[in-house]
Amino acid sequence: MAQSHTVDNDGRTNMIGLVTDIARALVDLPENVSVETFDEEESTVIRLRVAPSDIGKVIGKQGRTARSLRTILSAASMKLKHRFALDIVEDDSSQAGPIQT
């Protein structure tokens, strides 16, 4: 029988800090980096928001930077025995008006 392991607030805070620090080092607008978490069944989703102009810097060519971020996150989460997933999204709040389609 598999045991469910919940991560404590210190572990969650460390993972948020790790993702935030790495993302801020990569982007041109570090003040627009934000991170939030969502608990799912047996994992925690970390949602990273960056400015639209910085999304390419976080994803990288052919997704290499994003893949590397996920690898680091996975390695760090092994210690906590809790799975973390990373979602990378554009921060639309920095745009002046509604998006035209």
Foldseek 3Di string as FASTA:
>chain_A
DDDAADFDPVLVVVLQVVVLVVLLVQFPCSVQWDWDWDDDDQAIEIEIEHAPVGLCSCQDVVRPNVVVSLVVSQVSCVVRVGHYHYHYDYDPPVDDDDDDD
